[in-house]
Amino acid sequence: MVAVNRSHNDVQMAALARQFHEQGYLKIPNALSREQVNRFNSAVDRHHYDHPERWVELSDSFREGTNVLPDTEDFDEAIEDPATLDILRVIIGEDITFEEFAIMLRDSTENLGEIKGWHRDIVREYERRMEIDAVSVMWYLSDVTENDHCFAIVPETHDRLVDMNPLDVQQGEGIDVLGAAGTAVIFHARAIHCGHLKPGSSQRRTLQAYYSRWRNQRTAEWSDIPERLHSKSDPALPRRFYAKWNVTNILEGVGKRPADLSSDLSISEVIQEVQRRGRDAM
């Protein structure tokens, strides 16, 4: 595991990019300040109260705010935060584009079976694993100790060990990525990972965003990119950063609504069914 500080020079950035390409992930302590963590936590509570229709109940302990950005500007600074974006620009390149954003809450539970199990993001079918070409950032808004639900990852399964099947990963394998509130984890969406649930855990809170190289295709249709972001004129941001705001071509995977599902189903019901089909395809 690689731990990095908030500020970096070009040499450090290049070294971090190499470490990411080798391991498939990086851990960044103090990516967010305590003040940012407090503000984001307040924004999460506010959004959950004001817009319950945007939240999906994936299990008795797993809630996700799936389409947050049209309602509030509160999380824009996380998406654009230099502590992670500067590293992403080296990893992905200047054609980096923002893909999607969500809030995830993991509550205490006695049911310790992760609903997704060990998996890769975006495309679940093992034979299509090389189609996955996105990078995710997860920001911790709560302390994640050895006693708490946590993000776990199998290093190198994005590249050197890419032929590993998630079904072959045993419980207890992988690395638990622990950290204080304010920590960020950057990981390749092709790397095998899961949520490691633990008895007696405190509520785990995270923000999560995905980024990729520019192409006329999005990874998911659950998270709208509002026009305010597309129209933003900020020379500090990559040129195509919000260029996918109106892209309707969605990669066939767990981020796309199946054509055979009834239009009467709620977004929560659709996502639950898509997740079920994704698990069946592994």
C-alpha atoms as a PDB file:
ATOM      1  CA  MET A   1       0.000   0.000   0.000  1.00  0.00           C
ATOM      2  CA  VAL A   2       1.213   3.504  -0.839  1.00  0.00           C
ATOM      3  CA  ALA A   3       0.441   6.402   1.494  1.00  0.00           C
ATOM      4  CA  VAL A   4       0.944   9.908   0.111  1.00  0.00           C
ATOM      5  CA  ASN A   5       0.688  13.424   1.439  1.00  0.00           C
ATOM      6  CA  ARG A   6      -1.575  16.260   0.314  1.00  0.00           C
ATOM      7  CA  SER A   7       1.060  18.190  -1.659  1.00  0.00           C
ATOM      8  CA  HIS A   8       3.353  16.642  -4.262  1.00  0.00           C
ATOM      9  CA  ASN A   9       5.975  17.717  -6.762  1.00  0.00           C
ATOM     10  CA  ASP A  10       6.323  16.360 -10.307  1.00  0.00           C
ATOM     11  CA  VAL A  11       8.791  13.661  -9.285  1.00  0.00           C
ATOM     12  CA  GLN A  12       6.482  12.448  -6.546  1.00  0.00           C
ATOM     13  CA  MET A  13       3.524  12.504  -8.952  1.00  0.00           C
ATOM     14  CA  ALA A  14       5.357  10.331 -11.461  1.00  0.00           C
ATOM     15  CA  ALA A  15       6.316   7.892  -8.701  1.00  0.00           C
ATOM     16  CA  LEU A  16       2.717   7.754  -7.477  1.00  0.00           C
ATOM     17  CA  ALA A  17       1.465   7.084 -10.989  1.00  0.00           C
ATOM     18  CA  ARG A  18       3.922   4.182 -11.315  1.00  0.00           C
ATOM     19  CA  GLN A  19       2.782   2.785  -7.975  1.00  0.00           C
ATOM     20  CA  PHE A  20      -0.846   3.064  -9.049  1.00  0.00           C
ATOM     21  CA  HIS A  21      -0.196   1.287 -12.340  1.00  0.00           C
ATOM     22  CA  GLU A  22       1.607  -1.500 -10.453  1.00  0.00           C
ATOM     23  CA  GLN A  23      -0.771  -1.961  -7.521  1.00  0.00           C
ATOM     24  CA  GLY A  24      -4.077  -0.679  -8.886  1.00  0.00           C
ATOM     25  CA  TYR A  25      -4.692   1.709  -6.006  1.00  0.00           C
ATOM     26  CA  LEU A  26      -3.286   4.512  -3.840  1.00  0.00           C
ATOM     27  CA  LYS A  27      -4.189   5.697  -0.350  1.00  0.00           C
ATOM     28  CA  ILE A  28      -4.028   9.441   0.344  1.00  0.00           C
ATOM     29  CA  PRO A  29      -4.236  10.458   4.019  1.00  0.00           C
ATOM     30  CA  ASN A  30      -5.580  13.962   4.700  1.00  0.00           C
ATOM     31  CA  ALA A  31      -6.870  14.456   1.181  1.00  0.00           C
ATOM     32  CA  LEU A  32      -9.726  16.393   2.791  1.00  0.00           C
ATOM     33  CA  SER A  33      -9.318  18.805   5.678  1.00  0.00           C
ATOM     34  CA  ARG A  34     -11.318  18.389   8.886  1.00  0.00           C
ATOM     35  CA  GLU A  35     -13.383  21.418   7.873  1.00  0.00           C
ATOM     36  CA  GLN A  36     -14.193  19.840   4.497  1.00  0.00           C
ATOM     37  CA  VAL A  37     -15.137  16.542   6.155  1.00  0.00           C
ATOM     38  CA  ASN A  38     -17.533  18.380   8.484  1.00  0.00           C
ATOM     39  CA  ARG A  39     -19.105  20.329   5.629  1.00  0.00           C
ATOM     40  CA  PHE A  40     -19.511  17.247   3.454  1.00  0.00           C
ATOM     41  CA  ASN A  41     -21.094  15.305   6.306  1.00  0.00           C
ATOM     42  CA  SER A  42     -23.582  18.120   6.857  1.00  0.00           C
ATOM     43  CA  ALA A  43     -24.301  18.170   3.117  1.00  0.00           C
ATOM     44  CA  VAL A  44     -24.906  14.400   3.113  1.00  0.00           C
ATOM     45  CA  ASP A  45     -27.427  14.712   5.951  1.00  0.00           C
ATOM     46  CA  ARG A  46     -29.128  17.655   4.260  1.00  0.00           C
ATOM     47  CA  HIS A  47     -29.439  15.879   0.916  1.00  0.00           C
ATOM     48  CA  HIS A  48     -30.736  12.667   2.485  1.00  0.00           C
ATOM     49  CA  TYR A  49     -33.409  14.674   4.302  1.00  0.00           C
ATOM     50  CA  ASP A  50     -34.382  16.937   1.393  1.00  0.00           C
ATOM     51  CA  HIS A  51     -34.236  14.386  -1.442  1.00  0.00           C
ATOM     52  CA  PRO A  52     -35.074  10.884  -0.146  1.00  0.00           C
ATOM     53  CA  GLU A  53     -36.254   9.938  -3.645  1.00  0.00           C
ATOM     54  CA  ARG A  54     -32.636  10.111  -4.843  1.00  0.00           C
ATOM     55  CA  TRP A  55     -31.520   7.430  -2.388  1.00  0.00           C
ATOM     56  CA  VAL A  56     -31.434   3.704  -3.100  1.00  0.00           C
ATOM     57  CA  GLU A  57     -31.714   1.042  -0.384  1.00  0.00           C
ATOM     58  CA  LEU A  58     -29.425  -1.742  -1.624  1.00  0.00           C
ATOM     59  CA  SER A  59     -29.568  -3.812   1.583  1.00  0.00           C
ATOM     60  CA  ASP A  60     -30.504  -3.436   5.239  1.00  0.00           C
ATOM     61  CA  SER A  61     -27.181  -1.656   5.781  1.00  0.00           C
ATOM     62  CA  PHE A  62     -26.329  -0.098   2.410  1.00  0.00           C
ATOM     63  CA  ARG A  63     -27.824   3.190   1.222  1.00  0.00           C
ATOM     64  CA  GLU A  64     -26.635   5.128  -1.795  1.00  0.00           C
ATOM     65  CA  GLY A  65     -27.373   8.645  -3.018  1.00  0.00           C
ATOM     66  CA  THR A  66     -27.237   8.014  -6.741  1.00  0.00           C
ATOM     67  CA  ASN A  67     -28.063  11.302  -8.481  1.00  0.00           C
ATOM     68  CA  VAL A  68     -26.957  14.063  -6.173  1.00  0.00           C
ATOM     69  CA  LEU A  69     -25.318  16.701  -8.361  1.00  0.00           C
ATOM     70  CA  PRO A  70     -28.486  18.192  -9.935  1.00  0.00           C
ATOM     71  CA  ASP A  71     -29.728  19.099  -6.444  1.00  0.00           C
ATOM     72  CA  THR A  72     -26.701  20.773  -4.926  1.00  0.00           C
ATOM     73  CA  GLU A  73     -23.262  22.277  -5.552  1.00  0.00           C
ATOM     74  CA  ASP A  74     -22.048  21.046  -2.152  1.00  0.00           C
ATOM     75  CA  PHE A  75     -19.930  18.211  -3.568  1.00  0.00           C
ATOM     76  CA  ASP A  76     -18.393  19.933  -6.605  1.00  0.00           C
ATOM     77  CA  GLU A  77     -15.218  20.723  -4.689  1.00  0.00           C
ATOM     78  CA  ALA A  78     -14.613  17.039  -3.947  1.00  0.00           C
ATOM     79  CA  ILE A  79     -14.841  16.139  -7.641  1.00  0.00           C
ATOM     80  CA  GLU A  80     -12.343  18.895  -8.463  1.00  0.00           C
ATOM     81  CA  ASP A  81     -10.124  18.630  -5.362  1.00  0.00           C
ATOM     82  CA  PRO A  82      -6.455  19.085  -6.368  1.00  0.00           C
ATOM     83  CA  ALA A  83      -5.298  16.551  -3.748  1.00  0.00           C
ATOM     84  CA  THR A  84      -6.754  13.788  -5.914  1.00  0.00           C
ATOM     85  CA  LEU A  85      -7.307  15.441  -9.298  1.00  0.00           C
ATOM     86  CA  ASP A  86      -3.627  16.320  -9.726  1.00  0.00           C
ATOM     87  CA  ILE A  87      -2.715  12.644  -9.336  1.00  0.00           C
ATOM     88  CA  LEU A  88      -5.552  11.531 -11.624  1.00  0.00           C
ATOM     89  CA  ARG A  89      -4.293  13.853 -14.373  1.00  0.00           C
ATOM     90  CA  VAL A  90      -0.965  12.018 -14.318  1.00  0.00           C
ATOM     91  CA  ILE A  91      -2.565   8.578 -14.155  1.00  0.00           C
ATOM     92  CA  ILE A  92      -5.218   9.133 -16.850  1.00  0.00           C
ATOM     93  CA  GLY A  93      -3.804  12.073 -18.827  1.00  0.00           C
ATOM     94  CA  GLU A  94      -5.128  15.486 -19.816  1.00  0.00           C
ATOM     95  CA  ASP A  95      -8.068  13.885 -21.677  1.00  0.00           C
ATOM     96  CA  ILE A  96      -9.499  12.963 -18.278  1.00  0.00           C
ATOM     97  CA  THR A  97     -13.283  13.292 -18.009  1.00  0.00           C
ATOM     98  CA  PHE A  98     -15.598  13.102 -15.018  1.00  0.00           C
ATOM     99  CA  GLU A  99     -18.087  10.214 -15.193  1.00  0.00           C
ATOM    100  CA  GLU A 100     -20.300   9.866 -12.120  1.00  0.00           C
ATOM    101  CA  PHE A 101     -20.703  10.626  -8.429  1.00  0.00           C
ATOM    102  CA  ALA A 102     -22.498   9.003  -5.478  1.00  0.00           C
ATOM    103  CA  ILE A 103     -22.770   9.035  -1.695  1.00  0.00           C
ATOM    104  CA  MET A 104     -22.578   5.713   0.147  1.00  0.00           C
ATOM    105  CA  LEU A 105     -23.664   4.957   3.706  1.00  0.00           C
ATOM    106  CA  ARG A 106     -22.939   1.622   5.378  1.00  0.00           C
ATOM    107  CA  ASP A 107     -24.825   1.061   8.632  1.00  0.00           C
ATOM    108  CA  SER A 108     -24.193  -1.451  11.387  1.00  0.00           C
ATOM    109  CA  THR A 109     -25.612  -4.879  10.534  1.00  0.00           C
ATOM    110  CA  GLU A 110     -25.591  -8.500  11.612  1.00  0.00           C
ATOM    111  CA  ASN A 111     -25.788  -9.573   7.969  1.00  0.00           C
ATOM    112  CA  LEU A 112     -22.111  -9.583   7.049  1.00  0.00           C
ATOM    113  CA  GLY A 113     -22.494 -10.945   3.517  1.00  0.00           C
ATOM    114  CA  GLU A 114     -21.542  -8.214   1.047  1.00  0.00           C
ATOM    115  CA  ILE A 115     -24.345  -7.976  -1.545  1.00  0.00           C
ATOM    116  CA  LYS A 116     -21.895  -7.570  -4.434  1.00  0.00           C
ATOM    117  CA  GLY A 117     -19.187  -9.881  -3.129  1.00  0.00           C
ATOM    118  CA  TRP A 118     -15.737  -9.583  -4.696  1.00  0.00           C
ATOM    119  CA  HIS A 119     -16.262  -7.808  -8.016  1.00  0.00           C
ATOM    120  CA  ARG A 120     -14.981  -5.444 -10.652  1.00  0.00           C
ATOM    121  CA  ASP A 121     -16.916  -2.249 -11.336  1.00  0.00           C
ATOM    122  CA  ILE A 122     -18.914  -1.199 -14.395  1.00  0.00           C
ATOM    123  CA  VAL A 123     -18.845  -4.565 -16.225  1.00  0.00           C
ATOM    124  CA  ARG A 124     -19.390  -7.749 -14.242  1.00  0.00           C
ATOM    125  CA  GLU A 125     -18.870 -10.351 -16.989  1.00  0.00           C
ATOM    126  CA  TYR A 126     -15.421 -11.861 -16.516  1.00  0.00           C
ATOM    127  CA  GLU A 127     -14.817 -12.152 -20.262  1.00  0.00           C
ATOM    128  CA  ARG A 128     -15.333  -8.391 -20.696  1.00  0.00           C
ATOM    129  CA  ARG A 129     -12.968  -7.295 -17.938  1.00  0.00           C
ATOM    130  CA  MET A 130     -10.582  -5.483 -20.308  1.00  0.00           C
ATOM    131  CA  GLU A 131     -13.396  -3.129 -21.298  1.00  0.00           C
ATOM    132  CA  ILE A 132     -13.161  -1.560 -17.845  1.00  0.00           C
ATOM    133  CA  ASP A 133     -11.056   1.582 -18.175  1.00  0.00           C
ATOM    134  CA  ALA A 134     -12.093   3.958 -15.401  1.00  0.00           C
ATOM    135  CA  VAL A 135     -10.548   5.123 -12.145  1.00  0.00           C
ATOM    136  CA  SER A 136     -12.500   5.771  -8.960  1.00  0.00           C
ATOM    137  CA  VAL A 137     -11.849   8.005  -5.973  1.00  0.00           C
ATOM    138  CA  MET A 138     -13.428   7.219  -2.615  1.00  0.00           C
ATOM    139  CA  TRP A 139     -13.287   9.873   0.120  1.00  0.00           C
ATOM    140  CA  TYR A 140     -13.767   8.754   3.736  1.00  0.00           C
ATOM    141  CA  LEU A 141     -16.141  10.986   5.722  1.00  0.00           C
ATOM    142  CA  SER A 142     -15.872   8.794   8.819  1.00  0.00           C
ATOM    143  CA  ASP A 143     -12.962   7.059  10.530  1.00  0.00           C
ATOM    144  CA  VAL A 144     -12.445   3.546   9.165  1.00  0.00           C
ATOM    145  CA  THR A 145     -10.689   1.420  11.773  1.00  0.00           C
ATOM    146  CA  GLU A 146     -10.005  -2.313  11.911  1.00  0.00           C
ATOM    147  CA  ASN A 147     -13.417  -2.677  13.588  1.00  0.00           C
ATOM    148  CA  ASP A 148     -15.394  -0.861  10.883  1.00  0.00           C
ATOM    149  CA  HIS A 149     -16.844  -1.770   7.509  1.00  0.00           C
ATOM    150  CA  CYS A 150     -14.130  -0.992   4.991  1.00  0.00           C
ATOM    151  CA  PHE A 151     -13.055  -1.033   1.370  1.00  0.00           C
ATOM    152  CA  ALA A 152     -10.949  -4.101   0.544  1.00  0.00           C
ATOM    153  CA  ILE A 153      -8.948  -4.671  -2.630  1.00  0.00           C
ATOM    154  CA  VAL A 154      -6.817  -7.374  -4.259  1.00  0.00           C
ATOM    155  CA  PRO A 155      -3.717  -5.536  -5.555  1.00  0.00           C
ATOM    156  CA  GLU A 156      -2.543  -5.960  -9.164  1.00  0.00           C
ATOM    157  CA  THR A 157      -5.820  -7.529 -10.370  1.00  0.00           C
ATOM    158  CA  HIS A 158      -6.257  -4.605 -12.766  1.00  0.00           C
ATOM    159  CA  ASP A 159      -3.121  -5.611 -14.708  1.00  0.00           C
ATOM    160  CA  ARG A 160      -0.590  -8.306 -13.755  1.00  0.00           C
ATOM    161  CA  LEU A 161      -3.254 -10.476 -12.115  1.00  0.00           C
ATOM    162  CA  VAL A 162      -6.046  -9.380 -14.425  1.00  0.00           C
ATOM    163  CA  ASP A 163      -6.944 -12.999 -15.244  1.00  0.00           C
ATOM    164  CA  MET A 164      -8.012 -13.624 -11.652  1.00  0.00           C
ATOM    165  CA  ASN A 165     -11.731 -14.311 -11.423  1.00  0.00           C
ATOM    166  CA  PRO A 166     -13.573 -12.541  -8.574  1.00  0.00           C
ATOM    167  CA  LEU A 167     -15.341 -15.833  -7.859  1.00  0.00           C
ATOM    168  CA  ASP A 168     -11.977 -17.366  -6.951  1.00  0.00           C
ATOM    169  CA  VAL A 169     -11.166 -14.768  -4.276  1.00  0.00           C
ATOM    170  CA  GLN A 170     -11.783 -16.201  -0.838  1.00  0.00           C
ATOM    171  CA  GLN A 171     -13.244 -14.426   2.176  1.00  0.00           C
ATOM    172  CA  GLY A 172     -10.438 -12.797   4.127  1.00  0.00           C
ATOM    173  CA  GLU A 173      -8.203 -12.291   1.092  1.00  0.00           C
ATOM    174  CA  GLY A 174      -7.265  -8.856  -0.160  1.00  0.00           C
ATOM    175  CA  ILE A 175      -6.170  -5.799   1.794  1.00  0.00           C
ATOM    176  CA  ASP A 176      -8.416  -3.741   4.073  1.00  0.00           C
ATOM    177  CA  VAL A 177      -7.799  -0.054   3.329  1.00  0.00           C
ATOM    178  CA  LEU A 178      -8.218   1.696   6.672  1.00  0.00           C
ATOM    179  CA  GLY A 179      -7.921   5.391   7.359  1.00  0.00           C
ATOM    180  CA  ALA A 180      -9.149   8.414   9.248  1.00  0.00           C
ATOM    181  CA  ALA A 181     -11.908  10.662   7.984  1.00  0.00           C
ATOM    182  CA  GLY A 182     -10.425  12.761   5.179  1.00  0.00           C
ATOM    183  CA  THR A 183      -8.552   9.834   3.616  1.00  0.00           C
ATOM    184  CA  ALA A 184      -9.001   9.252  -0.113  1.00  0.00           C
ATOM    185  CA  VAL A 185      -8.456   6.004  -1.997  1.00  0.00           C
ATOM    186  CA  ILE A 186      -7.826   6.047  -5.742  1.00  0.00           C
ATOM    187  CA  PHE A 187      -8.362   2.670  -7.406  1.00  0.00           C
ATOM    188  CA  HIS A 188      -8.706   1.200 -10.873  1.00  0.00           C
ATOM    189  CA  ALA A 189     -12.274   0.038 -11.484  1.00  0.00           C
ATOM    190  CA  ARG A 190     -10.860  -3.176 -13.013  1.00  0.00           C
ATOM    191  CA  ALA A 191      -9.164  -4.142  -9.734  1.00  0.00           C
ATOM    192  CA  ILE A 192     -11.112  -6.743  -7.757  1.00  0.00           C
ATOM    193  CA  HIS A 193     -12.554  -5.231  -4.589  1.00  0.00           C
ATOM    194  CA  CYS A 194     -15.453  -5.416  -2.165  1.00  0.00           C
ATOM    195  CA  GLY A 195     -16.951  -3.922   0.953  1.00  0.00           C
ATOM    196  CA  HIS A 196     -15.626  -5.876   3.946  1.00  0.00           C
ATOM    197  CA  LEU A 197     -18.448  -5.824   6.488  1.00  0.00           C
ATOM    198  CA  LYS A 198     -17.627  -6.226  10.184  1.00  0.00           C
ATOM    199  CA  PRO A 199     -19.782  -6.842  13.278  1.00  0.00           C
ATOM    200  CA  GLY A 200     -20.404  -3.836  15.493  1.00  0.00           C
ATOM    201  CA  SER A 201     -19.159  -1.333  12.927  1.00  0.00           C
ATOM    202  CA  SER A 202     -19.929   2.340  13.223  1.00  0.00           C
ATOM    203  CA  GLN A 203     -21.683   3.923  10.254  1.00  0.00           C
ATOM    204  CA  ARG A 204     -19.238   4.242   7.354  1.00  0.00           C
ATOM    205  CA  ARG A 205     -19.662   7.278   5.117  1.00  0.00           C
ATOM    206  CA  THR A 206     -17.978   7.800   1.767  1.00  0.00           C
ATOM    207  CA  LEU A 207     -18.209   9.962  -1.315  1.00  0.00           C
ATOM    208  CA  GLN A 208     -17.256   8.279  -4.578  1.00  0.00           C
ATOM    209  CA  ALA A 209     -16.539   9.546  -8.086  1.00  0.00           C
ATOM    210  CA  TYR A 210     -15.397   7.918 -11.328  1.00  0.00           C
ATOM    211  CA  TYR A 211     -13.147   9.354 -14.031  1.00  0.00           C
ATOM    212  CA  SER A 212     -11.984   8.065 -17.410  1.00  0.00           C
ATOM    213  CA  ARG A 213     -10.383   9.113 -20.678  1.00  0.00           C
ATOM    214  CA  TRP A 214     -12.548  11.005 -23.121  1.00  0.00           C
ATOM    215  CA  ARG A 215     -14.711   8.937 -25.453  1.00  0.00           C
ATOM    216  CA  ASN A 216     -18.288   9.360 -26.636  1.00  0.00           C
ATOM    217  CA  GLN A 217     -19.597   6.904 -24.038  1.00  0.00           C
ATOM    218  CA  ARG A 218     -20.405   7.047 -20.327  1.00  0.00           C
ATOM    219  CA  THR A 219     -19.920   4.347 -17.722  1.00  0.00           C
ATOM    220  CA  ALA A 220     -23.371   4.802 -16.146  1.00  0.00           C
ATOM    221  CA  GLU A 221     -26.642   6.667 -16.495  1.00  0.00           C
ATOM    222  CA  TRP A 222     -27.560   6.916 -12.802  1.00  0.00           C
ATOM    223  CA  SER A 223     -25.681  10.158 -12.131  1.00  0.00           C
ATOM    224  CA  ASP A 224     -26.487  13.277 -14.179  1.00  0.00           C
ATOM    225  CA  ILE A 225     -23.834  15.888 -14.906  1.00  0.00           C
ATOM    226  CA  PRO A 226     -25.684  19.215 -14.563  1.00  0.00           C
ATOM    227  CA  GLU A 227     -25.189  21.958 -17.118  1.00  0.00           C
ATOM    228  CA  ARG A 228     -23.695  24.243 -14.460  1.00  0.00           C
ATOM    229  CA  LEU A 229     -20.639  21.974 -14.423  1.00  0.00           C
ATOM    230  CA  HIS A 230     -20.399  21.685 -18.199  1.00  0.00           C
ATOM    231  CA  SER A 231     -20.612  25.466 -18.604  1.00  0.00           C
ATOM    232  CA  LYS A 232     -17.984  26.142 -15.943  1.00  0.00           C
ATOM    233  CA  SER A 233     -15.025  28.144 -17.235  1.00  0.00           C
ATOM    234  CA  ASP A 234     -12.068  27.253 -15.051  1.00  0.00           C
ATOM    235  CA  PRO A 235      -8.591  27.145 -16.627  1.00  0.00           C
ATOM    236  CA  ALA A 236      -7.387  25.010 -13.717  1.00  0.00           C
ATOM    237  CA  LEU A 237      -9.586  22.108 -14.850  1.00  0.00           C
ATOM    238  CA  PRO A 238      -8.744  19.692 -17.693  1.00  0.00           C
ATOM    239  CA  ARG A 239     -10.196  20.791 -21.039  1.00  0.00           C
ATOM    240  CA  ARG A 240     -12.713  17.940 -21.398  1.00  0.00           C
ATOM    241  CA  PHE A 241     -13.408  17.461 -17.691  1.00  0.00           C
ATOM    242  CA  TYR A 242     -17.196  17.866 -17.870  1.00  0.00           C
ATOM    243  CA  ALA A 243     -17.553  17.077 -21.581  1.00  0.00           C
ATOM    244  CA  LYS A 244     -19.825  14.070 -20.951  1.00  0.00           C
ATOM    245  CA  TRP A 245     -22.654  16.124 -19.497  1.00  0.00           C
ATOM    246  CA  ASN A 246     -25.035  15.242 -22.370  1.00  0.00           C
ATOM    247  CA  VAL A 247     -23.594  11.917 -23.580  1.00  0.00           C
ATOM    248  CA  THR A 248     -26.386   9.329 -23.843  1.00  0.00           C
ATOM    249  CA  ASN A 249     -24.322   6.402 -25.159  1.00  0.00           C
ATOM    250  CA  ILE A 250     -23.960   4.184 -22.074  1.00  0.00           C
ATOM    251  CA  LEU A 251     -21.559   1.248 -21.827  1.00  0.00           C
ATOM    252  CA  GLU A 252     -23.475  -2.030 -21.590  1.00  0.00           C
ATOM    253  CA  GLY A 253     -22.965  -3.000 -17.961  1.00  0.00           C
ATOM    254  CA  VAL A 254     -24.241  -2.405 -14.434  1.00  0.00           C
ATOM    255  CA  GLY A 255     -24.627   1.317 -15.059  1.00  0.00           C
ATOM    256  CA  LYS A 256     -27.244   0.922 -17.795  1.00  0.00           C
ATOM    257  CA  ARG A 257     -30.988   0.365 -17.522  1.00  0.00           C
ATOM    258  CA  PRO A 258     -31.876  -2.925 -19.278  1.00  0.00           C
ATOM    259  CA  ALA A 259     -34.247  -2.382 -22.170  1.00  0.00           C
ATOM    260  CA  ASP A 260     -36.573  -5.154 -21.004  1.00  0.00           C
ATOM    261  CA  LEU A 261     -37.374  -3.527 -17.642  1.00  0.00           C
ATOM    262  CA  SER A 262     -40.710  -1.793 -17.204  1.00  0.00           C
ATOM    263  CA  SER A 263     -40.624   2.002 -17.256  1.00  0.00           C
ATOM    264  CA  ASP A 264     -42.879   1.869 -14.182  1.00  0.00           C
ATOM    265  CA  LEU A 265     -40.031   0.630 -11.991  1.00  0.00           C
ATOM    266  CA  SER A 266     -38.415   3.175  -9.691  1.00  0.00           C
ATOM    267  CA  ILE A 267     -34.718   3.942 -10.058  1.00  0.00           C
ATOM    268  CA  SER A 268     -34.148   2.043  -6.817  1.00  0.00           C
ATOM    269  CA  GLU A 269     -35.849  -1.059  -8.203  1.00  0.00           C
ATOM    270  CA  VAL A 270     -33.939  -0.764 -11.484  1.00  0.00           C
ATOM    271  CA  ILE A 271     -30.549  -0.508  -9.769  1.00  0.00           C
ATOM    272  CA  GLN A 272     -31.339  -3.451  -7.522  1.00  0.00           C
ATOM    273  CA  GLU A 273     -32.272  -5.569 -10.547  1.00  0.00           C
ATOM    274  CA  VAL A 274     -29.179  -4.453 -12.468  1.00  0.00           C
ATOM    275  CA  GLN A 275     -26.992  -5.404  -9.485  1.00  0.00           C
ATOM    276  CA  ARG A 276     -28.694  -8.817  -9.313  1.00  0.00           C
ATOM    277  CA  ARG A 277     -28.057  -9.451 -13.005  1.00  0.00           C
ATOM    278  CA  GLY A 278     -24.473  -8.305 -12.586  1.00  0.00           C
ATOM    279  CA  ARG A 279     -23.893 -10.853  -9.818  1.00  0.00           C
ATOM    280  CA  ASP A 280     -25.462 -13.581 -11.935  1.00  0.00           C
ATOM    281  CA  ALA A 281     -23.129 -12.714 -14.836  1.00  0.00           C
ATOM    282  CA  MET A 282     -19.932 -13.158 -12.794  1.00  0.00           C
END
